[in-house]
Amino acid sequence: MKNTEYKLNDFYQSAVLKSAGLPLLRLEKSQDKYFFFIFDDSSQKAEDIIRKYWNKELQVIARELVESIHELKTRLHMGM
């Protein structure tokens, strides 16, 4: 059985995944002051989205990206 969660601690990559349609399941606080973003990756698309992001091939709606950034910042400050 494949893992259906995708975990990363990079804020902007997380915003990209969220704006590309992957549902954010939760945030997990690490041993230090950082958080991990846990996404539902049952569609197994997260790695492909990140690859396209780094290769400058990914297209997302700008407003959705900005809204994802704002939402993730709010959740980080709330600690959830």
N, C-alpha and C. Protein backbone atom coordinates (compact mmCIF):
# COMPACT_ATOMS: atom_id res chain seq x y z
N MET A 1 0.84 -1.19 0.00
CA MET A 1 0.00 0.00 0.00
C MET A 1 0.88 1.26 0.00
N LYS A 2 0.59 2.16 -0.88
CA LYS A 2 1.37 3.39 -0.99
C LYS A 2 0.96 4.39 0.09
N ASN A 3 1.94 5.18 0.52
CA ASN A 3 1.66 6.23 1.49
C ASN A 3 0.81 7.31 0.80
N THR A 4 -0.26 7.71 1.44
CA THR A 4 -1.15 8.71 0.84
C THR A 4 -0.89 10.10 1.39
N GLU A 5 0.14 10.24 2.23
CA GLU A 5 0.48 11.56 2.76
C GLU A 5 1.82 12.02 2.21
N TYR A 6 1.90 13.32 1.97
CA TYR A 6 3.13 13.93 1.50
C TYR A 6 3.52 14.98 2.54
N LYS A 7 4.73 14.87 3.07
CA LYS A 7 5.17 15.70 4.18
C LYS A 7 6.38 16.53 3.76
N LEU A 8 6.31 17.83 4.01
CA LEU A 8 7.45 18.70 3.73
C LEU A 8 7.43 19.90 4.65
N ASN A 9 8.58 20.55 4.76
CA ASN A 9 8.64 21.71 5.66
C ASN A 9 8.95 23.00 4.92
N ASP A 10 8.94 22.98 3.62
CA ASP A 10 9.18 24.19 2.84
C ASP A 10 7.87 24.94 2.66
N PHE A 11 7.85 26.17 3.13
CA PHE A 11 6.61 26.97 3.13
C PHE A 11 6.09 27.20 1.71
N TYR A 12 6.94 27.68 0.81
CA TYR A 12 6.46 28.05 -0.52
C TYR A 12 6.11 26.83 -1.37
N GLN A 13 6.83 25.74 -1.22
CA GLN A 13 6.44 24.52 -1.92
C GLN A 13 5.09 24.04 -1.41
N SER A 14 4.85 24.20 -0.13
CA SER A 14 3.55 23.84 0.44
C SER A 14 2.44 24.71 -0.13
N ALA A 15 2.71 25.99 -0.28
CA ALA A 15 1.72 26.89 -0.88
C ALA A 15 1.43 26.49 -2.32
N VAL A 16 2.45 26.06 -3.03
CA VAL A 16 2.28 25.61 -4.41
C VAL A 16 1.41 24.35 -4.45
N LEU A 17 1.70 23.39 -3.57
CA LEU A 17 0.90 22.16 -3.53
C LEU A 17 -0.56 22.48 -3.23
N LYS A 18 -0.78 23.36 -2.28
CA LYS A 18 -2.15 23.74 -1.91
C LYS A 18 -2.86 24.42 -3.07
N SER A 19 -2.18 25.34 -3.73
CA SER A 19 -2.82 26.05 -4.85
C SER A 19 -3.00 25.14 -6.06
N ALA A 20 -2.24 24.04 -6.13
CA ALA A 20 -2.40 23.07 -7.22
C ALA A 20 -3.50 22.06 -6.91
N GLY A 21 -4.12 22.18 -5.73
CA GLY A 21 -5.28 21.37 -5.43
C GLY A 21 -5.09 20.24 -4.43
N LEU A 22 -3.89 20.04 -3.88
CA LEU A 22 -3.71 19.00 -2.88
C LEU A 22 -4.27 19.48 -1.54
N PRO A 23 -5.10 18.68 -0.91
CA PRO A 23 -5.68 19.08 0.37
C PRO A 23 -4.64 19.03 1.50
N LEU A 24 -4.57 20.09 2.27
CA LEU A 24 -3.71 20.13 3.44
C LEU A 24 -4.44 19.41 4.57
N LEU A 25 -3.82 18.37 5.10
CA LEU A 25 -4.44 17.60 6.18
C LEU A 25 -4.18 18.21 7.54
N ARG A 26 -2.92 18.58 7.78
CA ARG A 26 -2.56 19.12 9.09
C ARG A 26 -1.15 19.67 9.06
N LEU A 27 -0.81 20.37 10.13
CA LEU A 27 0.56 20.80 10.38
C LEU A 27 1.07 20.02 11.58
N GLU A 28 2.34 19.63 11.52
CA GLU A 28 2.97 18.94 12.63
C GLU A 28 4.18 19.74 13.07
N LYS A 29 4.25 20.01 14.36
CA LYS A 29 5.40 20.74 14.88
C LYS A 29 6.56 19.78 15.08
N SER A 30 7.73 20.16 14.61
CA SER A 30 8.91 19.32 14.77
C SER A 30 9.53 19.56 16.14
N GLN A 31 10.62 18.87 16.43
CA GLN A 31 11.31 19.01 17.71
C GLN A 31 11.77 20.45 17.93
N ASP A 32 12.16 21.11 16.88
CA ASP A 32 12.57 22.51 16.98
C ASP A 32 11.36 23.40 16.71
N LYS A 33 11.58 24.60 16.27
CA LYS A 33 10.48 25.54 16.11
C LYS A 33 9.76 25.45 14.76
N TYR A 34 10.12 24.49 13.93
CA TYR A 34 9.58 24.40 12.58
C TYR A 34 8.34 23.51 12.51
N PHE A 35 7.57 23.71 11.44
CA PHE A 35 6.38 22.91 11.20
C PHE A 35 6.55 22.11 9.91
N PHE A 36 5.91 20.96 9.88
CA PHE A 36 5.79 20.18 8.65
C PHE A 36 4.37 20.34 8.15
N PHE A 37 4.23 20.44 6.84
CA PHE A 37 2.93 20.52 6.19
C PHE A 37 2.62 19.11 5.67
N ILE A 38 1.48 18.57 6.05
CA ILE A 38 1.10 17.21 5.65
C ILE A 38 -0.09 17.32 4.69
N PHE A 39 0.12 16.82 3.47
CA PHE A 39 -0.90 16.88 2.43
C PHE A 39 -1.44 15.50 2.12
N ASP A 40 -2.69 15.46 1.69
CA ASP A 40 -3.28 14.23 1.17
C ASP A 40 -2.76 14.05 -0.25
N ASP A 41 -1.99 13.00 -0.45
CA ASP A 41 -1.43 12.73 -1.77
C ASP A 41 -1.92 11.38 -2.29
N SER A 42 -3.20 11.09 -2.06
CA SER A 42 -3.75 9.83 -2.54
C SER A 42 -3.72 9.75 -4.06
N SER A 43 -3.66 10.89 -4.71
CA SER A 43 -3.58 10.91 -6.18
C SER A 43 -2.15 10.73 -6.68
N GLN A 44 -1.18 10.71 -5.75
CA GLN A 44 0.25 10.53 -6.08
C GLN A 44 0.75 11.60 -7.07
N LYS A 45 0.33 12.85 -6.87
CA LYS A 45 0.72 13.93 -7.76
C LYS A 45 1.73 14.90 -7.14
N ALA A 46 1.98 14.82 -5.84
CA ALA A 46 2.81 15.81 -5.16
C ALA A 46 4.21 15.91 -5.75
N GLU A 47 4.88 14.79 -5.94
CA GLU A 47 6.24 14.83 -6.46
C GLU A 47 6.29 15.41 -7.86
N ASP A 48 5.29 15.09 -8.67
CA ASP A 48 5.24 15.65 -10.03
C ASP A 48 5.02 17.15 -9.99
N ILE A 49 4.16 17.63 -9.09
CA ILE A 49 3.90 19.06 -8.95
C ILE A 49 5.18 19.78 -8.52
N ILE A 50 5.89 19.22 -7.54
CA ILE A 50 7.13 19.83 -7.07
C ILE A 50 8.18 19.82 -8.16
N ARG A 51 8.27 18.73 -8.92
CA ARG A 51 9.23 18.67 -10.04
C ARG A 51 8.93 19.76 -11.07
N LYS A 52 7.66 19.92 -11.41
CA LYS A 52 7.28 20.95 -12.37
C LYS A 52 7.57 22.35 -11.81
N TYR A 53 7.36 22.52 -10.51
CA TYR A 53 7.67 23.79 -9.85
C TYR A 53 9.14 24.13 -10.03
N TRP A 54 10.03 23.19 -9.71
CA TRP A 54 11.47 23.44 -9.81
C TRP A 54 11.94 23.60 -11.25
N ASN A 55 11.27 22.94 -12.19
CA ASN A 55 11.63 23.06 -13.61
C ASN A 55 10.95 24.24 -14.30
N LYS A 56 10.22 25.03 -13.52
CA LYS A 56 9.50 26.20 -14.04
C LYS A 56 8.48 25.83 -15.11
N GLU A 57 7.85 24.67 -14.93
CA GLU A 57 6.84 24.18 -15.86
C GLU A 57 5.43 24.24 -15.27
N LEU A 58 5.33 24.50 -13.99
CA LEU A 58 4.04 24.47 -13.32
C LEU A 58 3.28 25.77 -13.54
N GLN A 59 2.00 25.64 -13.85
CA GLN A 59 1.14 26.80 -13.98
C GLN A 59 0.05 26.71 -12.92
N VAL A 60 -0.07 27.76 -12.13
CA VAL A 60 -1.13 27.85 -11.14
C VAL A 60 -1.79 29.22 -11.29
N ILE A 61 -2.98 29.31 -10.78
CA ILE A 61 -3.69 30.59 -10.81
C ILE A 61 -3.08 31.47 -9.73
N ALA A 62 -2.63 32.64 -10.12
CA ALA A 62 -1.90 33.53 -9.21
C ALA A 62 -2.70 33.84 -7.95
N ARG A 63 -3.95 34.12 -8.09
CA ARG A 63 -4.77 34.45 -6.92
C ARG A 63 -4.85 33.28 -5.95
N GLU A 64 -4.95 32.06 -6.47
CA GLU A 64 -4.99 30.88 -5.61
C GLU A 64 -3.66 30.71 -4.86
N LEU A 65 -2.56 31.01 -5.52
CA LEU A 65 -1.26 30.93 -4.86
C LEU A 65 -1.17 31.95 -3.72
N VAL A 66 -1.60 33.18 -3.99
CA VAL A 66 -1.57 34.22 -2.96
C VAL A 66 -2.48 33.83 -1.79
N GLU A 67 -3.67 33.33 -2.08
CA GLU A 67 -4.59 32.91 -1.03
C GLU A 67 -4.01 31.74 -0.22
N SER A 68 -3.33 30.82 -0.88
CA SER A 68 -2.69 29.71 -0.18
C SER A 68 -1.59 30.21 0.75
N ILE A 69 -0.81 31.17 0.29
CA ILE A 69 0.24 31.75 1.13
C ILE A 69 -0.37 32.39 2.37
N HIS A 70 -1.42 33.16 2.19
CA HIS A 70 -2.08 33.82 3.33
C HIS A 70 -2.66 32.79 4.30
N GLU A 71 -3.32 31.78 3.77
CA GLU A 71 -3.91 30.76 4.64
C GLU A 71 -2.84 30.01 5.43
N LEU A 72 -1.75 29.62 4.77
CA LEU A 72 -0.69 28.90 5.47
C LEU A 72 -0.02 29.77 6.53
N LYS A 73 0.18 31.03 6.23
CA LYS A 73 0.75 31.94 7.23
C LYS A 73 -0.17 32.04 8.45
N THR A 74 -1.46 32.15 8.21
CA THR A 74 -2.42 32.24 9.31
C THR A 74 -2.37 30.97 10.15
N ARG A 75 -2.35 29.83 9.50
CA ARG A 75 -2.31 28.55 10.24
C ARG A 75 -1.03 28.40 11.02
N LEU A 76 0.08 28.85 10.46
CA LEU A 76 1.36 28.78 11.19
C LEU A 76 1.32 29.64 12.44
N HIS A 77 0.80 30.85 12.30
CA HIS A 77 0.75 31.77 13.45
C HIS A 77 -0.22 31.28 14.52
N MET A 78 -1.23 30.53 14.11
CA MET A 78 -2.18 29.96 15.06
C MET A 78 -1.67 28.64 15.63
N GLY A 79 -0.64 28.09 15.00
CA GLY A 79 -0.07 26.83 15.47
C GLY A 79 -0.88 25.62 15.14
N MET A 80 -1.65 25.68 14.05
CA MET A 80 -2.45 24.54 13.66
C MET A 80 -2.20 24.24 12.23
